[in-house]
Amino acid sequence: MLKRPFLQAVGSSLLLSALPLAARAQAKPIVVGGTLSLTGPLAGTALLHKLAAELYLEQVNRRGGWLGRPVEWRIKDDQSKPDLARTLYEQIVTVDKADLLMGPYATANSLAAMGVAQRYGKVLITNSFGIPSLAKYDMHFPAYVMGAEPGTTAPNTLMDALQAGGAKPQTVAVVTSKFPSVHFMSIGAREVFRKRGLRELLWLEWEFGNRDFGAIASRLKDVNADFLWLGTIGPESLQLLDAMNKIDYRPRLHFHLYPTPGPLAQSPLGAGAMSFTTFEQHAPFTNNPAYTELIKTYNQRAAAANFPDPAFELQAANAITGWQILEAGIVGSGGFEDRKIADWLKKNRVDTMVGKLRFDGPNNYGDDLNRVKQLQAGKWVVIHPKEVALPGGRLAV
């Protein structure tokens, strides 16, 4: 996925071509700067964010931009490295003089960008910040709607899904990357599992970037728990499942925290895998006609770019939600001043494709809108809660 033809197929981030020439000559563009992990271990997911954002901004510019000004998104490759992300955001603010900021992908990079945004008094929208307690900056707004205490609320949602589906695991194995948000969520899940009566048979951690999962797979096979919580991010899910497969071990119930969704869906090893989501490409999520054209175009361009799975889902929706939040703050406040945008967002709800969002909770977090999805017949489908599940869908065990 990281080869040059793929990146070329995704398209340019310079989005002014959607405007008539005369309009472009008359209006000064609003420049939004940011980074994404276009290379490195997070690239498989970050590139989904890039495509989704580009499509949304094309629509924005076709309808006249923001307050009559076209929008130009300038992104730099942070290579999945928080230290580099920090340096690049410094450049974006001080050298490039971007008018506004958009956050990167993943918690560690987002935290690095947040420090820069705070130093210069810039609004920062993040689409994947997974440790709300660290989001101390009052002009940071999360697009991944996980509530203020996801380490408790999200695992409880997962346990409710298992119970509603008739699964009654008695034992659990918890293994996790030390990637900050993943590790935080896994620690929270341990406590939830304990309170829900599951007996923990295994707790193991690995350093982010690890590729040798043989020993971990062996330990998982040895304990043979009823349910596996796999605190994975990006390609780690497939690497771990492949290591299990090599020793003839197939887990009965397995949950993956933040996997790269397409590759996992396309692998037979992923069958039955569960994860969290905020949007999947099926009813009732797709019932809103306002997003029909965007999703269709995303499917077409993702297929042309050889994405492992061209479906529009969690990562694409989170990316677009971030831009919807920024746009709402601009239109609502009537301008491009960071402080006024932030003040408006704190006082108002924002309609987005993942739901109506509020930012009046701790650290500007509102509701936890995590849903549980499962891979069934090679497709991600929401199974819980019932009101947003695929019609007729339920947990497959």
Protein backbone atom coordinates (compact mmCIF):
# COMPACT_ATOMS: atom_id res chain seq x y z
CA MET A 1 0.00 0.00 0.00
CA LEU A 2 2.93 2.34 0.37
CA LYS A 3 4.20 2.22 -3.20
CA ARG A 4 4.28 5.38 -5.32
CA PRO A 5 1.42 4.36 -7.72
CA PHE A 6 -0.88 4.03 -4.72
CA LEU A 7 -0.07 7.50 -3.44
CA GLN A 8 -0.54 8.96 -6.92
CA ALA A 9 -3.90 7.26 -7.28
CA VAL A 10 -5.18 8.77 -4.06
CA GLY A 11 -4.78 12.23 -5.56
CA SER A 12 -3.39 15.64 -4.74
CA SER A 13 -4.17 17.56 -1.58
CA LEU A 14 -4.42 20.82 -3.52
CA LEU A 15 -8.18 21.16 -3.90
CA LEU A 16 -8.70 24.48 -5.64
CA SER A 17 -9.35 22.93 -9.05
CA ALA A 18 -12.97 22.34 -8.04
CA LEU A 19 -13.62 26.10 -8.17
CA PRO A 20 -14.23 28.13 -11.34
CA LEU A 21 -11.16 30.05 -12.45
CA ALA A 22 -12.78 33.44 -11.89
CA ALA A 23 -13.77 32.58 -8.34
CA ARG A 24 -10.29 31.32 -7.55
CA ALA A 25 -8.81 34.58 -8.81
CA GLN A 26 -11.06 36.69 -6.59
CA ALA A 27 -10.95 34.79 -3.28
CA LYS A 28 -7.87 34.19 -1.19
CA PRO A 29 -7.75 30.54 -0.11
CA ILE A 30 -8.03 29.50 3.50
CA VAL A 31 -4.99 27.30 4.11
CA VAL A 32 -5.41 24.40 6.52
CA GLY A 33 -2.14 22.72 7.48
CA GLY A 34 -1.53 19.33 9.02
CA THR A 35 0.24 16.01 8.81
CA LEU A 36 -0.73 12.41 8.14
CA SER A 37 1.26 9.21 8.38
CA LEU A 38 1.61 8.66 4.64
CA THR A 39 4.46 6.24 5.34
CA GLY A 40 5.41 4.04 8.28
CA PRO A 41 3.34 1.53 10.27
CA LEU A 42 0.28 3.81 10.48
CA ALA A 43 0.10 4.54 6.75
CA GLY A 44 -2.44 1.84 5.92
CA THR A 45 -5.03 3.69 7.99
CA ALA A 46 -3.87 7.29 7.55
CA LEU A 47 -4.24 7.02 3.78
CA LEU A 48 -7.94 6.28 4.26
CA HIS A 49 -8.19 9.57 6.14
CA LYS A 50 -6.41 11.37 3.31
CA LEU A 51 -8.78 10.15 0.61
CA ALA A 52 -11.92 10.84 2.63
CA ALA A 53 -10.80 14.35 3.54
CA GLU A 54 -9.93 15.17 -0.05
CA LEU A 55 -13.36 14.14 -1.26
CA TYR A 56 -15.10 16.17 1.42
CA LEU A 57 -13.06 19.27 0.61
CA GLU A 58 -13.80 18.87 -3.08
CA GLN A 59 -17.48 19.13 -2.17
CA VAL A 60 -16.76 22.14 0.06
CA ASN A 61 -15.04 23.98 -2.77
CA ARG A 62 -17.73 23.09 -5.31
CA ARG A 63 -20.28 24.84 -3.10
CA GLY A 64 -18.13 27.92 -2.67
CA GLY A 65 -15.70 27.09 0.11
CA TRP A 66 -15.97 28.46 3.64
CA LEU A 67 -17.59 31.88 3.92
CA GLY A 68 -16.91 32.41 0.22
CA ARG A 69 -13.23 31.44 0.34
CA PRO A 70 -11.80 28.27 -1.22
CA VAL A 71 -10.10 25.78 1.07
CA GLU A 72 -6.57 24.52 0.49
CA TRP A 73 -5.32 21.59 2.57
CA ARG A 74 -1.55 21.27 2.82
CA ILE A 75 -0.38 18.04 4.40
CA LYS A 76 3.07 16.78 5.28
CA ASP A 77 4.16 13.18 5.91
CA ASP A 78 4.98 12.62 9.59
CA GLN A 79 6.13 9.05 8.81
CA SER A 80 4.17 7.70 11.82
CA LYS A 81 6.66 9.46 14.14
CA PRO A 82 5.40 11.77 16.92
CA ASP A 83 8.67 13.72 17.13
CA LEU A 84 8.54 14.44 13.42
CA ALA A 85 4.86 15.41 13.67
CA ARG A 86 5.76 17.98 16.33
CA THR A 87 8.49 19.48 14.14
CA LEU A 88 6.23 19.61 11.11
CA TYR A 89 3.42 21.36 12.97
CA GLU A 90 5.93 23.94 14.15
CA GLN A 91 6.82 24.53 10.50
CA ILE A 92 3.18 24.67 9.48
CA VAL A 93 2.45 27.42 12.00
CA THR A 94 5.66 29.46 11.95
CA VAL A 95 7.01 29.01 8.42
CA ASP A 96 4.03 28.04 6.27
CA LYS A 97 1.73 30.44 8.16
CA ALA A 98 -1.32 28.19 7.76
CA ASP A 99 -4.58 29.87 8.70
CA LEU A 100 -5.95 26.82 10.52
CA LEU A 101 -4.83 23.37 11.63
CA MET A 102 -6.16 19.85 11.16
CA GLY A 103 -4.80 17.09 13.37
CA PRO A 104 -2.89 13.97 12.28
CA TYR A 105 -3.83 10.31 12.62
CA ALA A 106 -3.26 8.42 15.91
CA THR A 107 -3.00 9.53 19.51
CA ALA A 108 0.78 9.86 19.87
CA ASN A 109 1.07 12.12 16.82
CA SER A 110 -2.03 14.05 17.87
CA LEU A 111 -0.59 14.71 21.31
CA ALA A 112 2.58 16.04 19.69
CA ALA A 113 0.52 18.34 17.46
CA MET A 114 -1.58 19.46 20.42
CA GLY A 115 1.42 20.90 22.20
CA VAL A 116 2.23 23.02 19.18
CA ALA A 117 -1.38 24.16 18.76
CA GLN A 118 -1.53 25.19 22.41
CA ARG A 119 1.72 27.13 22.19
CA TYR A 120 0.37 29.23 19.32
CA GLY A 121 -3.30 29.40 20.33
CA LYS A 122 -4.64 27.39 17.38
CA VAL A 123 -7.77 25.25 17.25
CA LEU A 124 -6.88 21.60 16.73
CA ILE A 125 -9.38 19.00 15.52
CA THR A 126 -8.20 15.42 15.98
CA ASN A 127 -9.87 12.42 14.42
CA SER A 128 -8.24 9.70 16.47
CA PHE A 129 -7.26 10.90 19.93
CA GLY A 130 -7.79 7.93 22.24
CA ILE A 131 -6.82 9.17 25.73
CA PRO A 132 -9.27 11.97 26.63
CA SER A 133 -7.67 12.57 30.03
CA LEU A 134 -4.53 13.83 28.25
CA ALA A 135 -6.44 16.29 26.08
CA LYS A 136 -5.96 19.24 28.45
CA TYR A 137 -5.89 21.90 25.75
CA ASP A 138 -9.16 23.84 25.75
CA MET A 139 -9.13 24.42 21.97
CA HIS A 140 -8.80 20.74 21.07
CA PHE A 141 -11.92 19.02 19.71
CA PRO A 142 -12.16 15.25 19.10
CA ALA A 143 -13.81 13.82 16.00
CA TYR A 144 -13.57 10.22 17.20
CA VAL A 145 -16.53 10.33 19.59
CA MET A 146 -15.53 8.01 22.42
CA GLY A 147 -16.64 10.01 25.44
CA ALA A 148 -14.50 11.21 28.33
CA GLU A 149 -13.87 7.74 29.83
CA PRO A 150 -13.60 5.29 26.90
CA GLY A 151 -11.47 2.87 28.93
CA THR A 152 -14.66 2.09 30.85
CA THR A 153 -17.54 2.88 28.51
CA ALA A 154 -16.20 1.20 25.35
CA PRO A 155 -15.30 -2.19 26.92
CA ASN A 156 -18.70 -2.22 28.65
CA THR A 157 -20.34 -1.70 25.26
CA LEU A 158 -18.34 -4.68 24.00
CA MET A 159 -19.45 -6.85 26.91
CA ASP A 160 -23.06 -5.81 26.31
CA ALA A 161 -22.69 -6.89 22.67
CA LEU A 162 -21.38 -10.31 23.69
CA GLN A 163 -24.19 -10.77 26.17
CA ALA A 164 -26.87 -9.64 23.69
CA GLY A 165 -25.45 -12.07 21.13
CA GLY A 166 -25.65 -15.02 23.49
CA ALA A 167 -21.90 -15.35 24.07
CA LYS A 168 -20.98 -16.08 27.68
CA PRO A 169 -17.16 -16.14 27.95
CA GLN A 170 -15.81 -17.09 31.34
CA THR A 171 -12.13 -16.44 30.71
CA VAL A 172 -10.22 -13.73 28.85
CA ALA A 173 -6.68 -13.14 27.58
CA VAL A 174 -5.57 -9.52 27.16
CA VAL A 175 -2.54 -8.76 24.99
CA THR A 176 -1.67 -5.25 23.84
CA SER A 177 0.70 -2.92 22.08
CA LYS A 178 2.28 -0.20 24.21
CA PHE A 179 1.08 2.39 21.69
CA PRO A 180 -0.38 5.02 24.07
CA SER A 181 -4.10 4.96 23.27
CA VAL A 182 -4.13 1.21 22.71
CA HIS A 183 -2.39 0.51 26.00
CA PHE A 184 -4.72 2.89 27.85
CA MET A 185 -7.82 1.20 26.45
CA SER A 186 -6.48 -2.28 27.20
CA ILE A 187 -5.79 -1.39 30.83
CA GLY A 188 -9.33 -0.08 31.13
CA ALA A 189 -10.72 -3.23 29.52
CA ARG A 190 -8.96 -5.43 32.09
CA GLU A 191 -10.82 -3.71 34.91
CA VAL A 192 -14.15 -3.92 33.08
CA PHE A 193 -13.66 -7.63 32.40
CA ARG A 194 -12.85 -8.23 36.05
CA LYS A 195 -15.97 -6.42 37.19
CA ARG A 196 -18.06 -8.32 34.65
CA GLY A 197 -16.90 -11.65 36.09
CA LEU A 198 -14.33 -12.81 33.51
CA ARG A 199 -11.24 -14.58 34.78
CA GLU A 200 -8.06 -13.18 33.22
CA LEU A 201 -5.70 -15.93 32.06
CA LEU A 202 -3.07 -13.78 30.38
CA TRP A 203 -1.76 -10.20 30.25
CA LEU A 204 1.06 -9.44 27.78
CA GLU A 205 2.45 -6.25 26.23
CA TRP A 206 4.71 -5.53 23.26
CA GLU A 207 6.52 -2.48 21.97
CA PHE A 208 4.83 -0.63 19.12
CA GLY A 209 6.57 -1.57 15.88
CA ASN A 210 7.12 -5.18 16.93
CA ARG A 211 6.70 -7.68 14.09
CA ASP A 212 7.52 -10.96 15.80
CA PHE A 213 4.34 -12.28 17.37
CA GLY A 214 5.31 -15.95 17.57
CA ALA A 215 5.90 -16.05 21.31
CA ILE A 216 2.69 -14.13 22.03
CA ALA A 217 0.69 -16.48 19.82
CA SER A 218 2.12 -19.47 21.68
CA ARG A 219 1.10 -18.02 25.04
CA LEU A 220 -2.41 -17.37 23.74
CA LYS A 221 -2.70 -20.94 22.51
CA ASP A 222 -1.44 -22.28 25.84
CA VAL A 223 -4.08 -20.46 27.91
CA ASN A 224 -6.83 -20.99 25.29
CA ALA A 225 -9.15 -18.35 26.77
CA ASP A 226 -12.81 -18.14 25.78
CA PHE A 227 -12.31 -14.56 24.61
CA LEU A 228 -9.29 -12.60 23.34
CA TRP A 229 -8.86 -8.85 23.66
CA LEU A 230 -6.15 -7.90 21.16
CA GLY A 231 -4.91 -4.37 21.78
CA THR A 232 -3.68 -3.95 18.24
CA ILE A 233 -3.25 -0.98 15.93
CA GLY A 234 -2.72 -0.98 12.18
CA PRO A 235 -1.20 -4.17 10.73
CA GLU A 236 -0.61 -5.80 14.13
CA SER A 237 -3.93 -7.67 14.03
CA LEU A 238 -3.03 -9.58 10.89
CA GLN A 239 0.51 -10.20 12.08
CA LEU A 240 -0.79 -11.70 15.31
CA LEU A 241 -3.48 -13.79 13.60
CA ASP A 242 -0.89 -15.08 11.14
CA ALA A 243 1.37 -16.10 14.02
CA MET A 244 -1.55 -17.97 15.61
CA ASN A 245 -2.38 -19.68 12.36
CA LYS A 246 1.17 -20.97 11.99
CA ILE A 247 0.75 -22.94 15.22
CA ASP A 248 -2.77 -24.14 14.30
CA TYR A 249 -4.58 -21.95 16.77
CA ARG A 250 -7.85 -20.23 15.86
CA PRO A 251 -9.46 -18.16 18.63
CA ARG A 252 -13.17 -18.60 19.34
CA LEU A 253 -14.02 -14.97 20.10
CA HIS A 254 -11.51 -12.26 19.28
CA PHE A 255 -11.71 -8.47 19.49
CA HIS A 256 -9.23 -6.13 17.74
CA LEU A 257 -8.98 -2.57 19.01
CA TYR A 258 -7.75 -0.38 16.11
CA PRO A 259 -6.88 -2.67 13.18
CA THR A 260 -6.37 -1.59 9.59
CA PRO A 261 -9.91 -2.51 8.54
CA GLY A 262 -9.44 -3.40 4.87
CA PRO A 263 -6.60 -5.93 5.11
CA LEU A 264 -8.26 -7.64 8.07
CA ALA A 265 -11.54 -7.91 6.17
CA GLN A 266 -9.84 -9.41 3.14
CA SER A 267 -8.00 -12.11 5.09
CA PRO A 268 -9.72 -15.42 5.91
CA LEU A 269 -7.90 -15.27 9.25
CA GLY A 270 -10.04 -12.29 10.21
CA ALA A 271 -13.32 -14.21 10.13
CA GLY A 272 -15.43 -13.37 13.18
CA ALA A 273 -13.13 -10.56 14.35
CA MET A 274 -14.82 -7.77 16.30
CA SER A 275 -13.85 -4.13 16.65
CA PHE A 276 -15.26 -0.70 17.46
CA THR A 277 -16.72 1.65 14.88
CA THR A 278 -18.74 4.83 14.45
CA PHE A 279 -19.90 4.25 10.85
CA GLU A 280 -20.20 1.33 8.45
CA GLN A 281 -21.40 1.24 4.87
CA HIS A 282 -24.81 -0.27 5.44
CA ALA A 283 -28.21 0.77 6.75
CA PRO A 284 -29.07 2.62 8.91
CA PHE A 285 -25.81 4.58 8.61
CA THR A 286 -26.25 5.05 4.85
CA ASN A 287 -29.88 6.19 5.05
CA ASN A 288 -28.91 9.89 4.93
CA PRO A 289 -29.00 10.91 1.23
CA ALA A 290 -26.66 13.83 1.93
CA TYR A 291 -23.73 11.40 1.95
CA THR A 292 -24.71 9.19 -0.99
CA GLU A 293 -22.50 10.89 -3.58
CA LEU A 294 -19.52 11.16 -1.25
CA ILE A 295 -19.62 7.47 -0.30
CA LYS A 296 -20.06 6.40 -3.92
CA THR A 297 -17.10 8.48 -5.04
CA TYR A 298 -15.00 7.18 -2.15
CA ASN A 299 -15.76 3.59 -3.19
CA GLN A 300 -14.71 4.32 -6.76
CA ARG A 301 -11.46 6.09 -5.91
CA ALA A 302 -10.54 3.61 -3.19
CA ALA A 303 -10.96 0.79 -5.71
CA ALA A 304 -8.90 2.68 -8.30
CA ALA A 305 -6.20 3.20 -5.68
CA ASN A 306 -6.15 -0.54 -4.91
CA PHE A 307 -7.28 -0.20 -1.32
CA PRO A 308 -7.64 -3.69 0.19
CA ASP A 309 -11.26 -2.80 1.01
CA PRO A 310 -12.89 0.18 -0.77
CA ALA A 311 -15.84 0.34 1.65
CA PHE A 312 -16.48 3.58 3.51
CA GLU A 313 -16.25 2.96 7.26
CA LEU A 314 -14.96 4.13 10.66
CA GLN A 315 -11.68 5.72 9.57
CA ALA A 316 -13.13 7.59 6.60
CA ALA A 317 -16.09 8.75 8.68
CA ASN A 318 -13.84 10.01 11.48
CA ALA A 319 -11.78 11.98 8.97
CA ILE A 320 -14.82 13.68 7.48
CA THR A 321 -16.31 14.31 10.91
CA GLY A 322 -13.20 16.28 11.81
CA TRP A 323 -13.66 18.58 8.83
CA GLN A 324 -17.38 18.94 9.57
CA ILE A 325 -16.52 20.09 13.09
CA LEU A 326 -14.05 22.70 11.81
CA GLU A 327 -16.47 23.92 9.16
CA ALA A 328 -19.32 24.21 11.68
CA GLY A 329 -17.11 26.29 13.97
CA ILE A 330 -16.17 28.62 11.13
CA VAL A 331 -19.71 29.09 9.84
CA GLY A 332 -21.18 29.32 13.34
CA SER A 333 -18.68 31.90 14.55
CA GLY A 334 -18.79 33.79 11.26
CA GLY A 335 -15.04 33.86 10.73
CA PHE A 336 -11.66 32.19 10.96
CA GLU A 337 -10.44 33.32 14.38
CA ASP A 338 -9.33 30.31 16.40
CA ARG A 339 -10.68 31.47 19.74
CA LYS A 340 -14.09 32.36 18.35
CA ILE A 341 -14.31 29.01 16.57
CA ALA A 342 -13.48 27.20 19.80
CA ASP A 343 -15.98 29.21 21.85
CA TRP A 344 -18.78 28.47 19.38
CA LEU A 345 -18.05 24.74 19.32
CA LYS A 346 -18.22 24.52 23.11
CA LYS A 347 -21.68 26.09 23.16
CA ASN A 348 -23.29 24.29 20.24
CA ARG A 349 -23.97 20.80 18.92
CA VAL A 350 -22.61 19.82 15.50
CA ASP A 351 -24.41 17.61 13.01
CA THR A 352 -21.98 15.10 11.49
CA MET A 353 -22.17 11.83 9.62
CA VAL A 354 -21.57 9.89 12.86
CA GLY A 355 -24.24 11.78 14.79
CA LYS A 356 -24.91 15.03 16.61
CA LEU A 357 -21.84 15.91 18.67
CA ARG A 358 -21.37 18.02 21.77
CA PHE A 359 -18.16 19.35 23.32
CA ASP A 360 -19.34 20.43 26.75
CA GLY A 361 -17.94 17.48 28.69
CA PRO A 362 -14.52 16.96 30.33
CA ASN A 363 -11.69 18.06 28.02
CA ASN A 364 -14.27 18.91 25.32
CA TYR A 365 -15.45 15.30 25.05
CA GLY A 366 -19.14 14.47 24.80
CA ASP A 367 -20.88 11.13 24.27
CA ASP A 368 -19.29 7.74 23.62
CA LEU A 369 -20.72 6.67 20.25
CA ASN A 370 -18.62 3.54 19.86
CA ARG A 371 -20.50 0.65 18.29
CA VAL A 372 -19.40 -2.97 17.96
CA LYS A 373 -18.86 -4.46 14.52
CA GLN A 374 -17.89 -7.95 13.39
CA LEU A 375 -16.42 -9.42 10.25
CA GLN A 376 -19.05 -11.63 8.67
CA ALA A 377 -18.56 -13.14 5.21
CA GLY A 378 -15.69 -10.74 4.59
CA LYS A 379 -17.72 -7.62 5.44
CA TRP A 380 -17.73 -5.43 8.53
CA VAL A 381 -21.25 -5.21 9.95
CA VAL A 382 -22.47 -3.46 13.09
CA ILE A 383 -24.02 -5.91 15.57
CA HIS A 384 -24.56 -3.66 18.60
CA PRO A 385 -26.41 -1.65 19.76
CA LYS A 386 -29.59 -2.87 18.12
CA GLU A 387 -30.80 0.53 16.90
CA VAL A 388 -27.77 0.97 14.63
CA ALA A 389 -27.05 -2.68 13.83
CA LEU A 390 -27.35 -4.04 10.30
CA PRO A 391 -31.04 -4.96 9.93
CA GLY A 392 -31.26 -8.58 11.02
CA GLY A 393 -27.59 -8.60 12.05
CA ARG A 394 -26.38 -10.27 15.22
CA LEU A 395 -23.20 -11.68 16.74
CA ALA A 396 -21.86 -14.72 14.91
CA VAL A 397 -20.16 -17.20 17.24
